[in-house]
Amino acid sequence: MFSLKPYLYHILAIITVIVWGTTFVSTKVLIGYGLSPAEILLYRFLLAYVVIWFISPRIIFSKSIKDELLFVGTGLCAGSLYFLFENTALQITLASNVSLIICTAPLFTAFLSHLIYRKDKIKPTLIFGSLTAFAGVALVVFNGSFILEINPLGDFLTVLAAISWAFYGIILRNLNNRYSTIFITRKVFFYGIITILPYIALKPDTIHLNLLNNPVIIANLIFLGFVASMLCYIMWNSAVKELGVVQTSNYIYLVPLVTLITSAIVIDEHITVIALIGSVFILSGVYVAEKGFKIRLK
């Protein structure tokens, strides 16, 4: 009997990546209105933490001090460091550049996994795909620098954000089997907030509470904190549970495309031919590195 149920989860996955693809543009809008990278992270995580508290287990601490320190690491790598790098990058480079270069995070994860867990071998397709992706990154970075006169520092900060996310993936590998995804996510939000506070204390001028009376700023913060961080998390995990992580993860490759289109429409970013070629290299390289070649010989 025909059922629409499987298609529903595909739709949820597509809606999620469309939202995630627009978050780069939303953050850039907030920066344009005067918010700093650090306070965007703080407001976004505070809102997400308040919301997730109502649906997560009422457990405060993890099972050991070691695990709690690992959770601190997740807050650093997927929270304060990641978003400081990414949001700062959005101040000085294109949202489309950031979205594309972030796609290299799985490559860094694979190499880190090999270094830490020697059982994870580096396949030839991973090397070929990585070189292809990094060639694409070079095209995107230097195209922005020489043609669009964009500071390449922003693109390199995005690479640091991707590396930070890769470390998060490695830490997550040690926690996934012992804790629920909701609990882990709540911990990421909590320690993301805690670890950004020292930075804000050293640079108090990064907080602009007087700007929070602007409806555009409030709307974008609600979008980032509630929609992009909470609702999308629930939709994504529902899709993963039904369709499997591999099939669902394939939709991630739509994120840069959404960002390219959204940034061109909303904030009038120009898309050049070289940038498009670079995006093809990046996405193709990441895909080959993760999936390998699929060639049938007759």
C-alpha atoms as a PDB file:
ATOM      1  CA  MET A   1       0.000   0.000   0.000  1.00  0.00           C
ATOM      2  CA  PHE A   2       1.341   3.433  -0.983  1.00  0.00           C
ATOM      3  CA  SER A   3       2.343   5.618   1.945  1.00  0.00           C
ATOM      4  CA  LEU A   4       3.276   9.284   2.097  1.00  0.00           C
ATOM      5  CA  LYS A   5       5.096   8.838   5.411  1.00  0.00           C
ATOM      6  CA  PRO A   6       8.642   8.309   3.978  1.00  0.00           C
ATOM      7  CA  TYR A   7       8.241  11.380   1.763  1.00  0.00           C
ATOM      8  CA  LEU A   8       7.301  13.445   4.801  1.00  0.00           C
ATOM      9  CA  TYR A   9      10.755  12.850   6.313  1.00  0.00           C
ATOM     10  CA  HIS A  10      12.445  13.796   3.042  1.00  0.00           C
ATOM     11  CA  ILE A  11      10.462  17.037   3.127  1.00  0.00           C
ATOM     12  CA  LEU A  12      11.543  17.656   6.743  1.00  0.00           C
ATOM     13  CA  ALA A  13      15.201  17.159   5.754  1.00  0.00           C
ATOM     14  CA  ILE A  14      14.854  19.531   2.794  1.00  0.00           C
ATOM     15  CA  ILE A  15      13.145  22.201   4.926  1.00  0.00           C
ATOM     16  CA  THR A  16      15.953  21.878   7.498  1.00  0.00           C
ATOM     17  CA  VAL A  17      18.797  22.414   5.020  1.00  0.00           C
ATOM     18  CA  ILE A  18      16.939  25.333   3.436  1.00  0.00           C
ATOM     19  CA  VAL A  19      16.728  26.984   6.873  1.00  0.00           C
ATOM     20  CA  TRP A  20      20.368  26.200   7.655  1.00  0.00           C
ATOM     21  CA  GLY A  21      21.418  27.624   4.314  1.00  0.00           C
ATOM     22  CA  THR A  22      19.784  30.946   5.175  1.00  0.00           C
ATOM     23  CA  THR A  23      21.358  31.238   8.647  1.00  0.00           C
ATOM     24  CA  PHE A  24      24.582  32.638   7.163  1.00  0.00           C
ATOM     25  CA  VAL A  25      22.601  35.439   5.550  1.00  0.00           C
ATOM     26  CA  SER A  26      20.572  36.034   8.723  1.00  0.00           C
ATOM     27  CA  THR A  27      23.779  36.356  10.756  1.00  0.00           C
ATOM     28  CA  LYS A  28      25.231  38.742   8.192  1.00  0.00           C
ATOM     29  CA  VAL A  29      22.080  40.884   8.472  1.00  0.00           C
ATOM     30  CA  LEU A  30      22.513  41.052  12.265  1.00  0.00           C
ATOM     31  CA  ILE A  31      26.146  42.060  11.845  1.00  0.00           C
ATOM     32  CA  GLY A  32      25.043  44.757   9.427  1.00  0.00           C
ATOM     33  CA  TYR A  33      22.711  46.131  12.110  1.00  0.00           C
ATOM     34  CA  GLY A  34      25.614  46.443  14.553  1.00  0.00           C
ATOM     35  CA  LEU A  35      25.575  43.229  16.584  1.00  0.00           C
ATOM     36  CA  SER A  36      28.964  41.644  17.287  1.00  0.00           C
ATOM     37  CA  PRO A  37      29.838  38.013  16.472  1.00  0.00           C
ATOM     38  CA  ALA A  38      30.058  37.133  20.174  1.00  0.00           C
ATOM     39  CA  GLU A  39      26.691  38.565  21.165  1.00  0.00           C
ATOM     40  CA  ILE A  40      24.941  36.899  18.220  1.00  0.00           C
ATOM     41  CA  LEU A  41      26.209  33.577  19.558  1.00  0.00           C
ATOM     42  CA  LEU A  42      25.202  34.505  23.131  1.00  0.00           C
ATOM     43  CA  TYR A  43      21.635  35.509  22.239  1.00  0.00           C
ATOM     44  CA  ARG A  44      21.168  32.553  19.886  1.00  0.00           C
ATOM     45  CA  PHE A  45      22.384  29.989  22.414  1.00  0.00           C
ATOM     46  CA  LEU A  46      20.500  31.555  25.339  1.00  0.00           C
ATOM     47  CA  LEU A  47      17.248  31.328  23.432  1.00  0.00           C
ATOM     48  CA  ALA A  48      17.969  27.787  22.260  1.00  0.00           C
ATOM     49  CA  TYR A  49      18.964  26.674  25.770  1.00  0.00           C
ATOM     50  CA  VAL A  50      15.784  28.029  27.338  1.00  0.00           C
ATOM     51  CA  VAL A  51      13.674  26.218  24.755  1.00  0.00           C
ATOM     52  CA  ILE A  52      15.555  22.904  24.891  1.00  0.00           C
ATOM     53  CA  TRP A  53      15.374  22.840  28.707  1.00  0.00           C
ATOM     54  CA  PHE A  54      11.658  22.125  28.524  1.00  0.00           C
ATOM     55  CA  ILE A  55      12.088  19.034  26.314  1.00  0.00           C
ATOM     56  CA  SER A  56      15.363  17.574  27.576  1.00  0.00           C
ATOM     57  CA  PRO A  57      15.913  15.166  30.505  1.00  0.00           C
ATOM     58  CA  ARG A  58      16.112  16.919  33.884  1.00  0.00           C
ATOM     59  CA  ILE A  59      19.648  15.674  34.442  1.00  0.00           C
ATOM     60  CA  ILE A  60      22.177  18.367  35.321  1.00  0.00           C
ATOM     61  CA  PHE A  61      25.556  16.656  35.238  1.00  0.00           C
ATOM     62  CA  SER A  62      27.018  13.851  33.160  1.00  0.00           C
ATOM     63  CA  LYS A  63      28.156  10.482  34.502  1.00  0.00           C
ATOM     64  CA  SER A  64      31.767  11.459  35.252  1.00  0.00           C
ATOM     65  CA  ILE A  65      34.149  14.404  35.502  1.00  0.00           C
ATOM     66  CA  LYS A  66      35.854  13.201  32.314  1.00  0.00           C
ATOM     67  CA  ASP A  67      32.572  13.291  30.421  1.00  0.00           C
ATOM     68  CA  GLU A  68      31.763  16.730  31.816  1.00  0.00           C
ATOM     69  CA  LEU A  69      35.112  18.000  30.515  1.00  0.00           C
ATOM     70  CA  LEU A  70      34.280  16.477  27.137  1.00  0.00           C
ATOM     71  CA  PHE A  71      31.020  18.408  27.190  1.00  0.00           C
ATOM     72  CA  VAL A  72      33.011  21.580  27.878  1.00  0.00           C
ATOM     73  CA  GLY A  73      34.948  20.684  24.739  1.00  0.00           C
ATOM     74  CA  THR A  74      31.737  20.400  22.731  1.00  0.00           C
ATOM     75  CA  GLY A  75      30.675  23.831  23.930  1.00  0.00           C
ATOM     76  CA  LEU A  76      34.000  25.252  22.810  1.00  0.00           C
ATOM     77  CA  CYS A  77      34.273  23.479  19.467  1.00  0.00           C
ATOM     78  CA  ALA A  78      30.625  23.614  18.360  1.00  0.00           C
ATOM     79  CA  GLY A  79      29.779  26.771  20.263  1.00  0.00           C
ATOM     80  CA  SER A  80      32.040  29.646  21.242  1.00  0.00           C
ATOM     81  CA  LEU A  81      35.070  28.970  19.010  1.00  0.00           C
ATOM     82  CA  TYR A  82      33.060  27.792  16.005  1.00  0.00           C
ATOM     83  CA  PHE A  83      30.665  30.721  15.975  1.00  0.00           C
ATOM     84  CA  LEU A  84      33.324  33.296  16.833  1.00  0.00           C
ATOM     85  CA  PHE A  85      35.287  32.158  13.788  1.00  0.00           C
ATOM     86  CA  GLU A  86      32.218  31.874  11.566  1.00  0.00           C
ATOM     87  CA  ASN A  87      30.459  35.066  12.662  1.00  0.00           C
ATOM     88  CA  THR A  88      33.685  37.075  12.497  1.00  0.00           C
ATOM     89  CA  ALA A  89      34.266  35.681   9.017  1.00  0.00           C
ATOM     90  CA  LEU A  90      30.816  36.901   8.023  1.00  0.00           C
ATOM     91  CA  GLN A  91      31.910  40.424   8.984  1.00  0.00           C
ATOM     92  CA  ILE A  92      34.663  40.489   6.353  1.00  0.00           C
ATOM     93  CA  THR A  93      33.765  38.017   3.611  1.00  0.00           C
ATOM     94  CA  LEU A  94      30.761  36.796   1.658  1.00  0.00           C
ATOM     95  CA  ALA A  95      28.060  34.665   3.275  1.00  0.00           C
ATOM     96  CA  SER A  96      28.260  32.373   0.254  1.00  0.00           C
ATOM     97  CA  ASN A  97      32.008  31.912   0.803  1.00  0.00           C
ATOM     98  CA  VAL A  98      31.461  30.939   4.432  1.00  0.00           C
ATOM     99  CA  SER A  99      28.733  28.458   3.542  1.00  0.00           C
ATOM    100  CA  LEU A 100      30.897  26.793   0.900  1.00  0.00           C
ATOM    101  CA  ILE A 101      34.095  26.540   2.935  1.00  0.00           C
ATOM    102  CA  ILE A 102      32.244  25.168   5.981  1.00  0.00           C
ATOM    103  CA  CYS A 103      31.447  22.149   3.789  1.00  0.00           C
ATOM    104  CA  THR A 104      35.078  21.051   4.197  1.00  0.00           C
ATOM    105  CA  ALA A 105      34.435  20.179   7.861  1.00  0.00           C
ATOM    106  CA  PRO A 106      33.818  16.450   7.092  1.00  0.00           C
ATOM    107  CA  LEU A 107      37.248  16.285   5.431  1.00  0.00           C
ATOM    108  CA  PHE A 108      39.002  17.666   8.505  1.00  0.00           C
ATOM    109  CA  THR A 109      36.958  15.258  10.621  1.00  0.00           C
ATOM    110  CA  ALA A 110      38.178  12.295   8.567  1.00  0.00           C
ATOM    111  CA  PHE A 111      41.838  13.302   8.866  1.00  0.00           C
ATOM    112  CA  LEU A 112      41.556  14.003  12.599  1.00  0.00           C
ATOM    113  CA  SER A 113      39.828  10.660  13.066  1.00  0.00           C
ATOM    114  CA  HIS A 114      42.746   8.948  11.328  1.00  0.00           C
ATOM    115  CA  LEU A 115      45.284  10.717  13.517  1.00  0.00           C
ATOM    116  CA  ILE A 116      43.448   9.923  16.750  1.00  0.00           C
ATOM    117  CA  TYR A 117      41.961   6.517  15.915  1.00  0.00           C
ATOM    118  CA  ARG A 118      44.554   4.658  13.871  1.00  0.00           C
ATOM    119  CA  LYS A 119      41.925   2.111  12.841  1.00  0.00           C
ATOM    120  CA  ASP A 120      40.316   4.700  10.563  1.00  0.00           C
ATOM    121  CA  LYS A 121      42.320   4.401   7.349  1.00  0.00           C
ATOM    122  CA  ILE A 122      42.710   7.206   4.839  1.00  0.00           C
ATOM    123  CA  LYS A 123      41.321   6.031   1.510  1.00  0.00           C
ATOM    124  CA  PRO A 124      42.663   7.253  -1.863  1.00  0.00           C
ATOM    125  CA  THR A 125      39.253   8.783  -2.596  1.00  0.00           C
ATOM    126  CA  LEU A 126      39.551  10.829   0.604  1.00  0.00           C
ATOM    127  CA  ILE A 127      42.906  12.243  -0.525  1.00  0.00           C
ATOM    128  CA  PHE A 128      41.659  12.965  -4.049  1.00  0.00           C
ATOM    129  CA  GLY A 129      38.417  14.476  -2.778  1.00  0.00           C
ATOM    130  CA  SER A 130      40.254  16.608  -0.214  1.00  0.00           C
ATOM    131  CA  LEU A 131      42.650  18.000  -2.812  1.00  0.00           C
ATOM    132  CA  THR A 132      39.721  18.780  -5.103  1.00  0.00           C
ATOM    133  CA  ALA A 133      37.797  20.495  -2.310  1.00  0.00           C
ATOM    134  CA  PHE A 134      40.793  22.542  -1.186  1.00  0.00           C
ATOM    135  CA  ALA A 135      41.390  23.623  -4.783  1.00  0.00           C
ATOM    136  CA  GLY A 136      37.828  24.889  -4.709  1.00  0.00           C
ATOM    137  CA  VAL A 137      38.493  26.694  -1.438  1.00  0.00           C
ATOM    138  CA  ALA A 138      41.517  28.382  -3.021  1.00  0.00           C
ATOM    139  CA  LEU A 139      39.389  29.522  -5.965  1.00  0.00           C
ATOM    140  CA  VAL A 140      36.700  30.927  -3.654  1.00  0.00           C
ATOM    141  CA  VAL A 141      39.217  32.647  -1.355  1.00  0.00           C
ATOM    142  CA  PHE A 142      41.391  34.263  -4.018  1.00  0.00           C
ATOM    143  CA  ASN A 143      38.440  35.109  -6.241  1.00  0.00           C
ATOM    144  CA  GLY A 144      36.966  37.084  -3.358  1.00  0.00           C
ATOM    145  CA  SER A 145      40.287  38.762  -2.688  1.00  0.00           C
ATOM    146  CA  PHE A 146      41.297  39.821  -6.189  1.00  0.00           C
ATOM    147  CA  ILE A 147      37.992  40.274  -8.008  1.00  0.00           C
ATOM    148  CA  LEU A 148      35.549  41.322  -5.304  1.00  0.00           C
ATOM    149  CA  GLU A 149      38.183  42.941  -3.084  1.00  0.00           C
ATOM    150  CA  ILE A 150      37.098  40.881  -0.086  1.00  0.00           C
ATOM    151  CA  ASN A 151      39.589  40.281   2.726  1.00  0.00           C
ATOM    152  CA  PRO A 152      40.691  36.604   2.469  1.00  0.00           C
ATOM    153  CA  LEU A 153      41.146  36.592   6.256  1.00  0.00           C
ATOM    154  CA  GLY A 154      37.413  35.929   6.527  1.00  0.00           C
ATOM    155  CA  ASP A 155      37.734  32.834   4.365  1.00  0.00           C
ATOM    156  CA  PHE A 156      40.652  31.539   6.452  1.00  0.00           C
ATOM    157  CA  LEU A 157      38.656  32.118   9.637  1.00  0.00           C
ATOM    158  CA  THR A 158      35.957  29.951   8.066  1.00  0.00           C
ATOM    159  CA  VAL A 159      38.535  27.196   7.599  1.00  0.00           C
ATOM    160  CA  LEU A 160      39.285  27.479  11.333  1.00  0.00           C
ATOM    161  CA  ALA A 161      35.554  27.181  12.011  1.00  0.00           C
ATOM    162  CA  ALA A 162      35.457  24.007   9.912  1.00  0.00           C
ATOM    163  CA  ILE A 163      38.417  22.584  11.860  1.00  0.00           C
ATOM    164  CA  SER A 164      36.690  23.480  15.124  1.00  0.00           C
ATOM    165  CA  TRP A 165      33.574  21.614  13.974  1.00  0.00           C
ATOM    166  CA  ALA A 166      35.760  18.635  13.075  1.00  0.00           C
ATOM    167  CA  PHE A 167      37.081  18.486  16.644  1.00  0.00           C
ATOM    168  CA  TYR A 168      33.481  18.602  17.829  1.00  0.00           C
ATOM    169  CA  GLY A 169      32.735  15.533  15.722  1.00  0.00           C
ATOM    170  CA  ILE A 170      35.648  13.675  17.299  1.00  0.00           C
ATOM    171  CA  ILE A 171      34.488  14.534  20.827  1.00  0.00           C
ATOM    172  CA  LEU A 172      30.916  13.644  19.956  1.00  0.00           C
ATOM    173  CA  ARG A 173      32.067  10.188  18.957  1.00  0.00           C
ATOM    174  CA  ASN A 174      32.990   9.557  22.607  1.00  0.00           C
ATOM    175  CA  LEU A 175      29.643  10.746  23.958  1.00  0.00           C
ATOM    176  CA  ASN A 176      27.008   9.507  21.513  1.00  0.00           C
ATOM    177  CA  ASN A 177      26.754   5.991  22.910  1.00  0.00           C
ATOM    178  CA  ARG A 178      26.288   7.115  26.510  1.00  0.00           C
ATOM    179  CA  TYR A 179      23.944  10.095  26.281  1.00  0.00           C
ATOM    180  CA  SER A 180      20.806  11.086  24.397  1.00  0.00           C
ATOM    181  CA  THR A 181      21.099  13.557  21.544  1.00  0.00           C
ATOM    182  CA  ILE A 182      18.813  16.021  23.326  1.00  0.00           C
ATOM    183  CA  PHE A 183      21.006  15.950  26.456  1.00  0.00           C
ATOM    184  CA  ILE A 184      24.185  16.408  24.395  1.00  0.00           C
ATOM    185  CA  THR A 185      22.689  19.333  22.503  1.00  0.00           C
ATOM    186  CA  ARG A 186      21.588  21.025  25.715  1.00  0.00           C
ATOM    187  CA  LYS A 187      25.127  20.660  27.049  1.00  0.00           C
ATOM    188  CA  VAL A 188      26.545  22.179  23.855  1.00  0.00           C
ATOM    189  CA  PHE A 189      24.294  25.209  24.271  1.00  0.00           C
ATOM    190  CA  PHE A 190      25.139  25.531  27.982  1.00  0.00           C
ATOM    191  CA  TYR A 191      28.917  25.335  27.631  1.00  0.00           C
ATOM    192  CA  GLY A 192      28.820  27.432  24.486  1.00  0.00           C
ATOM    193  CA  ILE A 193      27.313  30.179  26.641  1.00  0.00           C
ATOM    194  CA  ILE A 194      29.741  29.606  29.541  1.00  0.00           C
ATOM    195  CA  THR A 195      32.860  29.615  27.334  1.00  0.00           C
ATOM    196  CA  ILE A 196      31.888  32.798  25.464  1.00  0.00           C
ATOM    197  CA  LEU A 197      31.381  34.775  28.693  1.00  0.00           C
ATOM    198  CA  PRO A 198      35.138  35.281  29.432  1.00  0.00           C
ATOM    199  CA  TYR A 199      35.578  36.714  25.925  1.00  0.00           C
ATOM    200  CA  ILE A 200      32.662  39.076  26.484  1.00  0.00           C
ATOM    201  CA  ALA A 201      34.023  40.036  29.926  1.00  0.00           C
ATOM    202  CA  LEU A 202      37.333  41.025  28.329  1.00  0.00           C
ATOM    203  CA  LYS A 203      35.558  42.932  25.556  1.00  0.00           C
ATOM    204  CA  PRO A 204      32.359  44.346  27.131  1.00  0.00           C
ATOM    205  CA  ASP A 205      31.866  46.636  24.126  1.00  0.00           C
ATOM    206  CA  THR A 206      30.751  43.542  22.174  1.00  0.00           C
ATOM    207  CA  ILE A 207      27.307  43.711  23.832  1.00  0.00           C
ATOM    208  CA  HIS A 208      24.779  46.194  22.444  1.00  0.00           C
ATOM    209  CA  LEU A 209      21.579  45.768  24.462  1.00  0.00           C
ATOM    210  CA  ASN A 210      20.262  49.062  23.100  1.00  0.00           C
ATOM    211  CA  LEU A 211      19.910  47.427  19.677  1.00  0.00           C
ATOM    212  CA  LEU A 212      17.490  44.769  20.922  1.00  0.00           C
ATOM    213  CA  ASN A 213      14.520  47.079  20.453  1.00  0.00           C
ATOM    214  CA  ASN A 214      14.848  46.715  16.685  1.00  0.00           C
ATOM    215  CA  PRO A 215      12.162  44.373  15.236  1.00  0.00           C
ATOM    216  CA  VAL A 216      14.500  43.167  12.460  1.00  0.00           C
ATOM    217  CA  ILE A 217      17.146  42.140  15.013  1.00  0.00           C
ATOM    218  CA  ILE A 218      14.600  40.417  17.263  1.00  0.00           C
ATOM    219  CA  ALA A 219      13.100  38.555  14.314  1.00  0.00           C
ATOM    220  CA  ASN A 220      16.496  37.298  13.130  1.00  0.00           C
ATOM    221  CA  LEU A 221      17.541  36.229  16.642  1.00  0.00           C
ATOM    222  CA  ILE A 222      14.297  34.298  17.113  1.00  0.00           C
ATOM    223  CA  PHE A 223      14.876  32.690  13.724  1.00  0.00           C
ATOM    224  CA  LEU A 224      18.452  31.663  14.623  1.00  0.00           C
ATOM    225  CA  GLY A 225      17.732  30.551  18.184  1.00  0.00           C
ATOM    226  CA  PHE A 226      14.324  28.958  17.951  1.00  0.00           C
ATOM    227  CA  VAL A 227      13.868  27.940  14.310  1.00  0.00           C
ATOM    228  CA  ALA A 228      17.432  27.167  13.150  1.00  0.00           C
ATOM    229  CA  SER A 229      18.744  25.770  16.438  1.00  0.00           C
ATOM    230  CA  MET A 230      15.680  24.077  17.923  1.00  0.00           C
ATOM    231  CA  LEU A 231      12.961  23.261  15.394  1.00  0.00           C
ATOM    232  CA  CYS A 232      15.465  22.258  12.722  1.00  0.00           C
ATOM    233  CA  TYR A 233      17.274  20.048  15.203  1.00  0.00           C
ATOM    234  CA  ILE A 234      14.043  18.185  15.955  1.00  0.00           C
ATOM    235  CA  MET A 235      13.131  17.874  12.251  1.00  0.00           C
ATOM    236  CA  TRP A 236      16.607  16.729  11.273  1.00  0.00           C
ATOM    237  CA  ASN A 237      16.799  14.048  13.929  1.00  0.00           C
ATOM    238  CA  SER A 238      13.318  12.812  13.029  1.00  0.00           C
ATOM    239  CA  ALA A 239      14.475  12.429   9.427  1.00  0.00           C
ATOM    240  CA  VAL A 240      17.688  10.675  10.496  1.00  0.00           C
ATOM    241  CA  LYS A 241      15.728   8.249  12.654  1.00  0.00           C
ATOM    242  CA  GLU A 242      13.393   7.326   9.791  1.00  0.00           C
ATOM    243  CA  LEU A 243      15.663   7.551   6.718  1.00  0.00           C
ATOM    244  CA  GLY A 244      19.072   6.824   8.211  1.00  0.00           C
ATOM    245  CA  VAL A 245      22.028   9.146   8.701  1.00  0.00           C
ATOM    246  CA  VAL A 246      23.621   8.497   5.275  1.00  0.00           C
ATOM    247  CA  GLN A 247      20.520   9.191   3.203  1.00  0.00           C
ATOM    248  CA  THR A 248      19.585  12.234   5.269  1.00  0.00           C
ATOM    249  CA  SER A 249      23.112  13.680   5.258  1.00  0.00           C
ATOM    250  CA  ASN A 250      23.113  13.840   1.467  1.00  0.00           C
ATOM    251  CA  TYR A 251      20.799  16.838   1.755  1.00  0.00           C
ATOM    252  CA  ILE A 252      23.610  18.809   3.445  1.00  0.00           C
ATOM    253  CA  TYR A 253      25.089  19.459   0.004  1.00  0.00           C
ATOM    254  CA  LEU A 254      22.109  21.733  -0.728  1.00  0.00           C
ATOM    255  CA  VAL A 255      23.129  24.200   2.023  1.00  0.00           C
ATOM    256  CA  PRO A 256      25.698  26.218  -0.009  1.00  0.00           C
ATOM    257  CA  LEU A 257      23.314  26.407  -2.963  1.00  0.00           C
ATOM    258  CA  VAL A 258      20.612  27.858  -0.710  1.00  0.00           C
ATOM    259  CA  THR A 259      23.123  30.348   0.730  1.00  0.00           C
ATOM    260  CA  LEU A 260      24.315  31.417  -2.726  1.00  0.00           C
ATOM    261  CA  ILE A 261      20.754  32.127  -3.867  1.00  0.00           C
ATOM    262  CA  THR A 262      19.631  33.750  -0.594  1.00  0.00           C
ATOM    263  CA  SER A 263      22.698  35.978  -0.286  1.00  0.00           C
ATOM    264  CA  ALA A 264      22.255  37.166  -3.873  1.00  0.00           C
ATOM    265  CA  ILE A 265      18.584  38.036  -3.267  1.00  0.00           C
ATOM    266  CA  VAL A 266      18.632  39.370   0.311  1.00  0.00           C
ATOM    267  CA  ILE A 267      21.996  41.119   0.684  1.00  0.00           C
ATOM    268  CA  ASP A 268      22.909  41.563  -2.985  1.00  0.00           C
ATOM    269  CA  GLU A 269      26.088  39.478  -2.976  1.00  0.00           C
ATOM    270  CA  HIS A 270      27.493  39.001  -6.459  1.00  0.00           C
ATOM    271  CA  ILE A 271      28.129  35.475  -7.699  1.00  0.00           C
ATOM    272  CA  THR A 272      31.039  35.250 -10.128  1.00  0.00           C
ATOM    273  CA  VAL A 273      31.908  32.449 -12.525  1.00  0.00           C
ATOM    274  CA  ILE A 274      35.073  31.624 -10.556  1.00  0.00           C
ATOM    275  CA  ALA A 275      33.060  31.396  -7.331  1.00  0.00           C
ATOM    276  CA  LEU A 276      30.645  28.985  -9.017  1.00  0.00           C
ATOM    277  CA  ILE A 277      33.544  26.868 -10.308  1.00  0.00           C
ATOM    278  CA  GLY A 278      35.054  26.873  -6.819  1.00  0.00           C
ATOM    279  CA  SER A 279      31.739  25.765  -5.323  1.00  0.00           C
ATOM    280  CA  VAL A 280      31.549  22.846  -7.764  1.00  0.00           C
ATOM    281  CA  PHE A 281      35.098  21.804  -6.780  1.00  0.00           C
ATOM    282  CA  ILE A 282      34.301  22.002  -3.062  1.00  0.00           C
ATOM    283  CA  LEU A 283      31.028  20.097  -3.205  1.00  0.00           C
ATOM    284  CA  SER A 284      32.390  17.489  -5.621  1.00  0.00           C
ATOM    285  CA  GLY A 285      35.529  17.007  -3.535  1.00  0.00           C
ATOM    286  CA  VAL A 286      33.592  16.567  -0.298  1.00  0.00           C
ATOM    287  CA  TYR A 287      31.207  14.123  -1.964  1.00  0.00           C
ATOM    288  CA  VAL A 288      34.032  12.023  -3.469  1.00  0.00           C
ATOM    289  CA  ALA A 289      35.936  12.036  -0.174  1.00  0.00           C
ATOM    290  CA  GLU A 290      32.911  10.774   1.749  1.00  0.00           C
ATOM    291  CA  LYS A 291      31.199   8.509  -0.792  1.00  0.00           C
ATOM    292  CA  GLY A 292      33.995   7.544  -3.184  1.00  0.00           C
ATOM    293  CA  PHE A 293      33.650   6.995  -6.885  1.00  0.00           C
ATOM    294  CA  LYS A 294      30.685   5.050  -8.177  1.00  0.00           C
ATOM    295  CA  ILE A 295      31.626   3.863 -11.629  1.00  0.00           C
ATOM    296  CA  ARG A 296      30.099   0.807 -13.228  1.00  0.00           C
ATOM    297  CA  LEU A 297      32.203  -1.031 -15.773  1.00  0.00           C
ATOM    298  CA  LYS A 298      30.234  -2.970 -18.380  1.00  0.00           C
END
